[in-house]
Amino acid sequence: MRTCLRSALAALLLPLGGLVAAAETSMAVQVFSCNLKDGATQSDFWEAADQYRTAMGGLNGPGLETINVYALMPFRAAADADFLWLVASPNLNALGTGLTTYYNSESGRGADAAFAEISDCSAGIVLVDNLHQGEVREADYTDQNPEGIYELFGCNLLPGKTAEDLQSATAYWQTQIEKINSKALDEYSAWLWTPFRASGRFDFAWLGFSPDLESSMRGATDYLTSEAGQAADERFASMSRCGSGLWNGYAIFGRNTEAFN
């Protein structure tokens, strides 16, 4: 999808020389926040998504073997976006290589044009840390059925709070959730998003995944009614303010099955 970050991505490619290997970042995700244009419908979205799937399926090149793509659509969220489009790679280098291959292809530019006809999007890149890994499930990248429920928190640090406070609260949450005996939380995955050179409304975001609505609500109940969960929430409330909503998640394209499970 079209973005002003395209030229900047090429600069992210770090050359390798001799036997010296570059260190890598954590997972990198390009996030598009999109609204449908007047008259455009969800059917138009899926036509564009299917064109994207076809384009990606016919492309082979550096970086594309590690890219997974997902879409989120509001389920119970007071969202200012009709959908989010997530392009996930294991690190910044892989993301930059894959997107460069995509944008240099005729089919990739055609898929971009299809989305430009139906939607207006803003884009940024986030670095992602996996905080809790639930059961890994195989996604179906060929249908239009939701793969699960995502809870997305957009958060800002309170005055005087820093990235170190966020790191401390996150580490505390990880210790607390292990104290809760919950099958639903065993199925729950969580990721911390931090912006990479992008101006946005949030200092960080939290993305939680459950395989279905029932599991999501059971996990939330087990968490909120436990002393460990309440203590973890209090730690976050002491250093940030967040808004959240539930989203349906759709698998669009993937070759790297471990990139975003």
C-alpha atoms as a PDB file:
ATOM      1  CA  MET A   1       0.000   0.000   0.000  1.00  0.00           C
ATOM      2  CA  ARG A   2       1.214   3.466  -0.870  1.00  0.00           C
ATOM      3  CA  THR A   3       3.143   5.378   1.771  1.00  0.00           C
ATOM      4  CA  CYS A   4       5.521   8.298   2.048  1.00  0.00           C
ATOM      5  CA  LEU A   5       7.794   5.973   4.023  1.00  0.00           C
ATOM      6  CA  ARG A   6       8.702   4.075   0.859  1.00  0.00           C
ATOM      7  CA  SER A   7      11.938   5.931   0.190  1.00  0.00           C
ATOM      8  CA  ALA A   8      12.909   5.786   3.861  1.00  0.00           C
ATOM      9  CA  LEU A   9      12.571   2.023   3.898  1.00  0.00           C
ATOM     10  CA  ALA A  10      15.341   1.616   1.345  1.00  0.00           C
ATOM     11  CA  ALA A  11      17.693   3.351   3.777  1.00  0.00           C
ATOM     12  CA  LEU A  12      16.942   0.701   6.391  1.00  0.00           C
ATOM     13  CA  LEU A  13      18.841  -1.956   4.451  1.00  0.00           C
ATOM     14  CA  LEU A  14      22.101  -2.545   6.272  1.00  0.00           C
ATOM     15  CA  PRO A  15      24.877  -3.992   4.050  1.00  0.00           C
ATOM     16  CA  LEU A  16      26.743  -7.070   5.169  1.00  0.00           C
ATOM     17  CA  GLY A  17      30.476  -7.241   4.554  1.00  0.00           C
ATOM     18  CA  GLY A  18      32.819 -10.206   4.854  1.00  0.00           C
ATOM     19  CA  LEU A  19      32.043 -12.260   7.943  1.00  0.00           C
ATOM     20  CA  VAL A  20      30.515  -9.368   9.860  1.00  0.00           C
ATOM     21  CA  ALA A  21      26.762  -9.718  10.415  1.00  0.00           C
ATOM     22  CA  ALA A  22      24.486  -6.845  11.440  1.00  0.00           C
ATOM     23  CA  ALA A  23      22.500  -7.120  14.645  1.00  0.00           C
ATOM     24  CA  GLU A  24      18.762  -7.276  14.089  1.00  0.00           C
ATOM     25  CA  THR A  25      15.813  -5.505  15.677  1.00  0.00           C
ATOM     26  CA  SER A  26      12.740  -7.174  17.093  1.00  0.00           C
ATOM     27  CA  MET A  27       9.751  -7.822  14.845  1.00  0.00           C
ATOM     28  CA  ALA A  28       8.828  -4.833  12.658  1.00  0.00           C
ATOM     29  CA  VAL A  29       5.285  -4.103  11.473  1.00  0.00           C
ATOM     30  CA  GLN A  30       4.142  -1.481   9.007  1.00  0.00           C
ATOM     31  CA  VAL A  31       0.722  -0.344  10.200  1.00  0.00           C
ATOM     32  CA  PHE A  32      -1.797   1.321   7.896  1.00  0.00           C
ATOM     33  CA  SER A  33      -4.823   3.017   9.464  1.00  0.00           C
ATOM     34  CA  CYS A  34      -7.434   3.307   6.726  1.00  0.00           C
ATOM     35  CA  ASN A  35     -10.900   4.689   6.061  1.00  0.00           C
ATOM     36  CA  LEU A  36     -13.051   3.680   3.127  1.00  0.00           C
ATOM     37  CA  LYS A  37     -13.861   6.439   0.670  1.00  0.00           C
ATOM     38  CA  ASP A  38     -17.462   7.553   0.174  1.00  0.00           C
ATOM     39  CA  GLY A  39     -19.377   4.814  -1.576  1.00  0.00           C
ATOM     40  CA  ALA A  40     -16.755   2.129  -0.965  1.00  0.00           C
ATOM     41  CA  THR A  41     -17.886  -0.991   0.900  1.00  0.00           C
ATOM     42  CA  GLN A  42     -16.416  -4.009   2.646  1.00  0.00           C
ATOM     43  CA  SER A  43     -16.932  -5.927  -0.593  1.00  0.00           C
ATOM     44  CA  ASP A  44     -14.617  -3.442  -2.295  1.00  0.00           C
ATOM     45  CA  PHE A  45     -12.080  -4.039   0.454  1.00  0.00           C
ATOM     46  CA  TRP A  46     -12.129  -7.788  -0.142  1.00  0.00           C
ATOM     47  CA  GLU A  47     -11.761  -7.319  -3.900  1.00  0.00           C
ATOM     48  CA  ALA A  48      -8.639  -5.252  -3.251  1.00  0.00           C
ATOM     49  CA  ALA A  49      -7.416  -7.749  -0.648  1.00  0.00           C
ATOM     50  CA  ASP A  50      -7.846 -10.616  -3.102  1.00  0.00           C
ATOM     51  CA  GLN A  51      -5.889  -8.662  -5.715  1.00  0.00           C
ATOM     52  CA  TYR A  52      -3.157  -8.193  -3.124  1.00  0.00           C
ATOM     53  CA  ARG A  53      -3.174 -11.925  -2.370  1.00  0.00           C
ATOM     54  CA  THR A  54      -2.820 -12.698  -6.068  1.00  0.00           C
ATOM     55  CA  ALA A  55      -0.001 -10.198  -6.452  1.00  0.00           C
ATOM     56  CA  MET A  56       1.918 -11.540  -3.462  1.00  0.00           C
ATOM     57  CA  GLY A  57       1.317 -15.140  -4.492  1.00  0.00           C
ATOM     58  CA  GLY A  58       2.991 -14.488  -7.823  1.00  0.00           C
ATOM     59  CA  LEU A  59       5.975 -12.627  -6.397  1.00  0.00           C
ATOM     60  CA  ASN A  60       9.206 -14.217  -5.266  1.00  0.00           C
ATOM     61  CA  GLY A  61      12.097 -12.090  -4.143  1.00  0.00           C
ATOM     62  CA  PRO A  62      14.217 -10.975  -1.202  1.00  0.00           C
ATOM     63  CA  GLY A  63      12.249 -10.382   1.984  1.00  0.00           C
ATOM     64  CA  LEU A  64       8.911 -11.686   0.735  1.00  0.00           C
ATOM     65  CA  GLU A  65       9.513 -15.119   2.237  1.00  0.00           C
ATOM     66  CA  THR A  66       9.206 -13.643   5.737  1.00  0.00           C
ATOM     67  CA  ILE A  67       6.271 -11.244   5.347  1.00  0.00           C
ATOM     68  CA  ASN A  68       2.859 -11.941   6.888  1.00  0.00           C
ATOM     69  CA  VAL A  69      -0.097  -9.631   6.308  1.00  0.00           C
ATOM     70  CA  TYR A  70      -3.202  -9.199   8.460  1.00  0.00           C
ATOM     71  CA  ALA A  71      -6.235  -6.901   8.527  1.00  0.00           C
ATOM     72  CA  LEU A  72      -8.161  -5.782  11.601  1.00  0.00           C
ATOM     73  CA  MET A  73     -11.744  -4.512  11.454  1.00  0.00           C
ATOM     74  CA  PRO A  74     -13.665  -3.039  14.405  1.00  0.00           C
ATOM     75  CA  PHE A  75     -15.851  -5.503  16.314  1.00  0.00           C
ATOM     76  CA  ARG A  76     -16.651  -3.515  19.443  1.00  0.00           C
ATOM     77  CA  ALA A  77     -14.426  -0.481  19.118  1.00  0.00           C
ATOM     78  CA  ALA A  78     -15.057   3.255  18.912  1.00  0.00           C
ATOM     79  CA  ALA A  79     -12.442   3.383  16.182  1.00  0.00           C
ATOM     80  CA  ASP A  80     -11.550   6.208  13.816  1.00  0.00           C
ATOM     81  CA  ALA A  81     -10.473   3.663  11.193  1.00  0.00           C
ATOM     82  CA  ASP A  82     -12.523   1.288   9.058  1.00  0.00           C
ATOM     83  CA  PHE A  83      -9.637  -1.155   8.984  1.00  0.00           C
ATOM     84  CA  LEU A  84      -5.996  -1.603   9.945  1.00  0.00           C
ATOM     85  CA  TRP A  85      -3.584  -3.289   7.542  1.00  0.00           C
ATOM     86  CA  LEU A  86      -0.534  -4.895   9.151  1.00  0.00           C
ATOM     87  CA  VAL A  87       2.586  -5.958   7.241  1.00  0.00           C
ATOM     88  CA  ALA A  88       4.742  -7.972   9.644  1.00  0.00           C
ATOM     89  CA  SER A  89       8.360  -9.056   9.251  1.00  0.00           C
ATOM     90  CA  PRO A  90      10.865 -10.557  11.709  1.00  0.00           C
ATOM     91  CA  ASN A  91      12.953  -7.341  11.788  1.00  0.00           C
ATOM     92  CA  LEU A  92      13.489  -3.977  10.075  1.00  0.00           C
ATOM     93  CA  ASN A  93      15.954  -5.363   7.553  1.00  0.00           C
ATOM     94  CA  ALA A  94      13.528  -8.051   6.414  1.00  0.00           C
ATOM     95  CA  LEU A  95      10.675  -5.547   6.246  1.00  0.00           C
ATOM     96  CA  GLY A  96      12.690  -3.086   4.184  1.00  0.00           C
ATOM     97  CA  THR A  97      13.862  -5.781   1.782  1.00  0.00           C
ATOM     98  CA  GLY A  98      10.398  -7.245   1.328  1.00  0.00           C
ATOM     99  CA  LEU A  99       8.661  -3.926   0.782  1.00  0.00           C
ATOM    100  CA  THR A 100      11.317  -2.825  -1.691  1.00  0.00           C
ATOM    101  CA  THR A 101      10.751  -6.016  -3.692  1.00  0.00           C
ATOM    102  CA  TYR A 102       6.995  -5.470  -3.544  1.00  0.00           C
ATOM    103  CA  TYR A 103       7.030  -1.817  -4.590  1.00  0.00           C
ATOM    104  CA  ASN A 104       9.448  -2.511  -7.426  1.00  0.00           C
ATOM    105  CA  SER A 105       7.024  -5.019  -8.959  1.00  0.00           C
ATOM    106  CA  GLU A 106       4.260  -4.160 -11.392  1.00  0.00           C
ATOM    107  CA  SER A 107       1.776  -6.389  -9.577  1.00  0.00           C
ATOM    108  CA  GLY A 108       2.610  -4.755  -6.248  1.00  0.00           C
ATOM    109  CA  ARG A 109       2.041  -1.283  -7.646  1.00  0.00           C
ATOM    110  CA  GLY A 110      -1.250  -2.509  -9.131  1.00  0.00           C
ATOM    111  CA  ALA A 111      -2.403  -3.842  -5.772  1.00  0.00           C
ATOM    112  CA  ASP A 112      -1.471  -0.500  -4.210  1.00  0.00           C
ATOM    113  CA  ALA A 113      -3.544   1.336  -6.794  1.00  0.00           C
ATOM    114  CA  ALA A 114      -6.559  -0.879  -6.025  1.00  0.00           C
ATOM    115  CA  PHE A 115      -6.454   0.144  -2.362  1.00  0.00           C
ATOM    116  CA  ALA A 116      -5.888   3.799  -3.256  1.00  0.00           C
ATOM    117  CA  GLU A 117      -9.142   3.753  -5.231  1.00  0.00           C
ATOM    118  CA  ILE A 118     -11.245   2.692  -2.254  1.00  0.00           C
ATOM    119  CA  SER A 119      -9.461   4.029   0.853  1.00  0.00           C
ATOM    120  CA  ASP A 120      -7.339   6.743   2.399  1.00  0.00           C
ATOM    121  CA  CYS A 121      -4.598   5.545   4.735  1.00  0.00           C
ATOM    122  CA  SER A 122      -1.917   6.868   7.031  1.00  0.00           C
ATOM    123  CA  ALA A 123       1.084   4.680   7.807  1.00  0.00           C
ATOM    124  CA  GLY A 124       3.850   4.145  10.306  1.00  0.00           C
ATOM    125  CA  ILE A 125       6.238   1.451  11.479  1.00  0.00           C
ATOM    126  CA  VAL A 126       6.278  -0.095  14.939  1.00  0.00           C
ATOM    127  CA  LEU A 127       8.773  -2.403  16.610  1.00  0.00           C
ATOM    128  CA  VAL A 128       7.121  -5.326  18.344  1.00  0.00           C
ATOM    129  CA  ASP A 129       8.017  -7.409  21.390  1.00  0.00           C
ATOM    130  CA  ASN A 130       6.198 -10.673  22.061  1.00  0.00           C
ATOM    131  CA  LEU A 131       5.136 -10.522  25.711  1.00  0.00           C
ATOM    132  CA  HIS A 132       3.068 -13.683  25.982  1.00  0.00           C
ATOM    133  CA  GLN A 133       2.789 -16.552  23.528  1.00  0.00           C
ATOM    134  CA  GLY A 134      -0.421 -18.513  23.415  1.00  0.00           C
ATOM    135  CA  GLU A 135      -1.087 -21.645  21.449  1.00  0.00           C
ATOM    136  CA  VAL A 136       0.203 -21.230  17.880  1.00  0.00           C
ATOM    137  CA  ARG A 137      -2.572 -21.870  15.368  1.00  0.00           C
ATOM    138  CA  GLU A 138      -2.326 -22.252  11.632  1.00  0.00           C
ATOM    139  CA  ALA A 139      -3.989 -19.336   9.848  1.00  0.00           C
ATOM    140  CA  ASP A 140      -6.073 -19.656   6.687  1.00  0.00           C
ATOM    141  CA  TYR A 141      -4.832 -16.999   4.268  1.00  0.00           C
ATOM    142  CA  THR A 142      -7.392 -17.827   1.554  1.00  0.00           C
ATOM    143  CA  ASP A 143     -10.789 -17.001   3.060  1.00  0.00           C
ATOM    144  CA  GLN A 144     -12.676 -14.017   4.466  1.00  0.00           C
ATOM    145  CA  ASN A 145     -13.347 -15.470   7.916  1.00  0.00           C
ATOM    146  CA  PRO A 146     -11.909 -13.886  11.061  1.00  0.00           C
ATOM    147  CA  GLU A 147      -9.003 -15.767  12.622  1.00  0.00           C
ATOM    148  CA  GLY A 148      -9.720 -14.451  16.102  1.00  0.00           C
ATOM    149  CA  ILE A 149     -10.376 -11.474  18.334  1.00  0.00           C
ATOM    150  CA  TYR A 150      -7.772  -8.775  18.927  1.00  0.00           C
ATOM    151  CA  GLU A 151      -7.907  -6.232  21.746  1.00  0.00           C
ATOM    152  CA  LEU A 152      -5.932  -3.131  20.841  1.00  0.00           C
ATOM    153  CA  PHE A 153      -4.903  -0.595  23.474  1.00  0.00           C
ATOM    154  CA  GLY A 154      -3.568   2.808  22.433  1.00  0.00           C
ATOM    155  CA  CYS A 155      -1.629   4.314  25.337  1.00  0.00           C
ATOM    156  CA  ASN A 156       0.186   7.475  26.372  1.00  0.00           C
ATOM    157  CA  LEU A 157       2.690   7.837  29.190  1.00  0.00           C
ATOM    158  CA  LEU A 158       1.701  10.058  32.091  1.00  0.00           C
ATOM    159  CA  PRO A 159       3.775  13.222  32.658  1.00  0.00           C
ATOM    160  CA  GLY A 160       7.165  12.364  34.049  1.00  0.00           C
ATOM    161  CA  LYS A 161       6.962   8.689  33.064  1.00  0.00           C
ATOM    162  CA  THR A 162       9.509   7.176  30.709  1.00  0.00           C
ATOM    163  CA  ALA A 163      10.263   4.139  28.594  1.00  0.00           C
ATOM    164  CA  GLU A 164      11.916   2.612  31.663  1.00  0.00           C
ATOM    165  CA  ASP A 165       8.587   2.793  33.525  1.00  0.00           C
ATOM    166  CA  LEU A 166       6.915   1.049  30.601  1.00  0.00           C
ATOM    167  CA  GLN A 167       9.573  -1.660  30.582  1.00  0.00           C
ATOM    168  CA  SER A 168       9.115  -2.185  34.332  1.00  0.00           C
ATOM    169  CA  ALA A 169       5.316  -2.414  34.042  1.00  0.00           C
ATOM    170  CA  THR A 170       5.592  -4.836  31.135  1.00  0.00           C
ATOM    171  CA  ALA A 171       8.003  -7.119  32.987  1.00  0.00           C
ATOM    172  CA  TYR A 172       5.719  -7.028  36.030  1.00  0.00           C
ATOM    173  CA  TRP A 173       2.710  -7.979  33.872  1.00  0.00           C
ATOM    174  CA  GLN A 174       4.625 -10.981  32.539  1.00  0.00           C
ATOM    175  CA  THR A 175       5.320 -12.252  36.059  1.00  0.00           C
ATOM    176  CA  GLN A 176       1.737 -11.652  37.181  1.00  0.00           C
ATOM    177  CA  ILE A 177      -0.007 -13.398  34.301  1.00  0.00           C
ATOM    178  CA  GLU A 178       1.973 -16.556  35.004  1.00  0.00           C
ATOM    179  CA  LYS A 179       0.334 -16.660  38.450  1.00  0.00           C
ATOM    180  CA  ILE A 180      -3.181 -16.919  36.979  1.00  0.00           C
ATOM    181  CA  ASN A 181      -4.503 -20.427  36.396  1.00  0.00           C
ATOM    182  CA  SER A 182      -6.565 -19.892  33.250  1.00  0.00           C
ATOM    183  CA  LYS A 183      -6.964 -22.036  30.150  1.00  0.00           C
ATOM    184  CA  ALA A 184      -8.182 -18.969  28.250  1.00  0.00           C
ATOM    185  CA  LEU A 185      -5.052 -17.017  29.171  1.00  0.00           C
ATOM    186  CA  ASP A 186      -2.940 -19.972  28.068  1.00  0.00           C
ATOM    187  CA  GLU A 187      -4.471 -19.354  24.606  1.00  0.00           C
ATOM    188  CA  TYR A 188      -3.836 -15.605  24.805  1.00  0.00           C
ATOM    189  CA  SER A 189      -0.968 -13.870  22.987  1.00  0.00           C
ATOM    190  CA  ALA A 190       0.186 -10.299  23.594  1.00  0.00           C
ATOM    191  CA  TRP A 191       2.560  -7.905  21.837  1.00  0.00           C
ATOM    192  CA  LEU A 192       3.935  -4.500  22.790  1.00  0.00           C
ATOM    193  CA  TRP A 193       4.157  -1.970  19.941  1.00  0.00           C
ATOM    194  CA  THR A 194       6.551   0.972  20.145  1.00  0.00           C
ATOM    195  CA  PRO A 195       6.689   3.562  17.321  1.00  0.00           C
ATOM    196  CA  PHE A 196       9.719   3.633  15.051  1.00  0.00           C
ATOM    197  CA  ARG A 197      10.390   7.144  13.735  1.00  0.00           C
ATOM    198  CA  ALA A 198       6.718   7.964  13.319  1.00  0.00           C
ATOM    199  CA  SER A 199       4.587  10.726  14.765  1.00  0.00           C
ATOM    200  CA  GLY A 200       1.420   9.238  16.182  1.00  0.00           C
ATOM    201  CA  ARG A 201      -1.195   9.724  18.856  1.00  0.00           C
ATOM    202  CA  PHE A 202       0.181   7.014  21.132  1.00  0.00           C
ATOM    203  CA  ASP A 203       3.446   6.438  22.971  1.00  0.00           C
ATOM    204  CA  PHE A 204       2.879   2.696  22.778  1.00  0.00           C
ATOM    205  CA  ALA A 205       0.202   0.169  21.945  1.00  0.00           C
ATOM    206  CA  TRP A 206      -0.720  -3.241  23.283  1.00  0.00           C
ATOM    207  CA  LEU A 207      -2.178  -5.905  21.012  1.00  0.00           C
ATOM    208  CA  GLY A 208      -3.779  -8.968  22.571  1.00  0.00           C
ATOM    209  CA  PHE A 209      -5.083 -11.972  20.644  1.00  0.00           C
ATOM    210  CA  SER A 210      -7.602 -14.672  21.536  1.00  0.00           C
ATOM    211  CA  PRO A 211      -8.776 -17.379  19.131  1.00  0.00           C
ATOM    212  CA  ASP A 212     -12.457 -16.483  19.549  1.00  0.00           C
ATOM    213  CA  LEU A 213     -14.813 -14.181  21.442  1.00  0.00           C
ATOM    214  CA  GLU A 214     -15.634 -16.734  24.151  1.00  0.00           C
ATOM    215  CA  SER A 215     -11.958 -17.282  24.928  1.00  0.00           C
ATOM    216  CA  SER A 216     -11.356 -13.513  24.912  1.00  0.00           C
ATOM    217  CA  MET A 217     -14.110 -12.849  27.457  1.00  0.00           C
ATOM    218  CA  ARG A 218     -13.154 -15.819  29.663  1.00  0.00           C
ATOM    219  CA  GLY A 219      -9.534 -14.677  29.665  1.00  0.00           C
ATOM    220  CA  ALA A 220     -10.527 -11.109  30.520  1.00  0.00           C
ATOM    221  CA  THR A 221     -12.729 -12.362  33.355  1.00  0.00           C
ATOM    222  CA  ASP A 222      -9.993 -14.583  34.783  1.00  0.00           C
ATOM    223  CA  TYR A 223      -7.504 -11.717  34.562  1.00  0.00           C
ATOM    224  CA  LEU A 224      -9.702  -8.957  35.993  1.00  0.00           C
ATOM    225  CA  THR A 225     -11.005 -11.033  38.912  1.00  0.00           C
ATOM    226  CA  SER A 226      -7.560 -12.227  40.004  1.00  0.00           C
ATOM    227  CA  GLU A 227      -5.300 -10.397  42.460  1.00  0.00           C
ATOM    228  CA  ALA A 228      -2.396 -10.830  40.031  1.00  0.00           C
ATOM    229  CA  GLY A 229      -4.318  -9.246  37.163  1.00  0.00           C
ATOM    230  CA  GLN A 230      -5.550  -6.350  39.279  1.00  0.00           C
ATOM    231  CA  ALA A 231      -2.014  -5.665  40.504  1.00  0.00           C
ATOM    232  CA  ALA A 232      -0.699  -5.672  36.917  1.00  0.00           C
ATOM    233  CA  ASP A 233      -3.444  -3.261  35.827  1.00  0.00           C
ATOM    234  CA  GLU A 234      -2.661  -0.936  38.722  1.00  0.00           C
ATOM    235  CA  ARG A 235       0.980  -0.826  37.652  1.00  0.00           C
ATOM    236  CA  PHE A 236       0.000   0.240  34.132  1.00  0.00           C
ATOM    237  CA  ALA A 237      -2.547   2.762  35.452  1.00  0.00           C
ATOM    238  CA  SER A 238       0.207   4.380  37.528  1.00  0.00           C
ATOM    239  CA  MET A 239       2.271   5.204  34.435  1.00  0.00           C
ATOM    240  CA  SER A 240      -0.087   5.455  31.448  1.00  0.00           C
ATOM    241  CA  ARG A 241      -3.589   6.107  30.168  1.00  0.00           C
ATOM    242  CA  CYS A 242      -5.063   3.833  27.506  1.00  0.00           C
ATOM    243  CA  GLY A 243      -8.138   3.412  25.363  1.00  0.00           C
ATOM    244  CA  SER A 244      -9.091   0.045  23.921  1.00  0.00           C
ATOM    245  CA  GLY A 245     -11.442  -1.789  21.597  1.00  0.00           C
ATOM    246  CA  LEU A 246     -12.071  -5.232  20.161  1.00  0.00           C
ATOM    247  CA  TRP A 247     -11.253  -6.013  16.527  1.00  0.00           C
ATOM    248  CA  ASN A 248     -11.827  -8.986  14.251  1.00  0.00           C
ATOM    249  CA  GLY A 249      -8.552 -10.188  12.751  1.00  0.00           C
ATOM    250  CA  TYR A 250      -8.201 -11.560   9.225  1.00  0.00           C
ATOM    251  CA  ALA A 251      -5.238 -13.422   7.734  1.00  0.00           C
ATOM    252  CA  ILE A 252      -4.460 -11.924   4.314  1.00  0.00           C
ATOM    253  CA  PHE A 253      -1.142 -13.417   3.248  1.00  0.00           C
ATOM    254  CA  GLY A 254       1.657 -15.393   4.815  1.00  0.00           C
ATOM    255  CA  ARG A 255       4.659 -17.539   4.100  1.00  0.00           C
ATOM    256  CA  ASN A 256       6.404 -17.228   7.461  1.00  0.00           C
ATOM    257  CA  THR A 257       4.065 -19.067   9.840  1.00  0.00           C
ATOM    258  CA  GLU A 258       5.985 -17.956  12.937  1.00  0.00           C
ATOM    259  CA  ALA A 259       6.145 -14.244  12.124  1.00  0.00           C
ATOM    260  CA  PHE A 260       2.975 -13.085  13.841  1.00  0.00           C
ATOM    261  CA  ASN A 261       1.342 -15.960  15.707  1.00  0.00           C
END
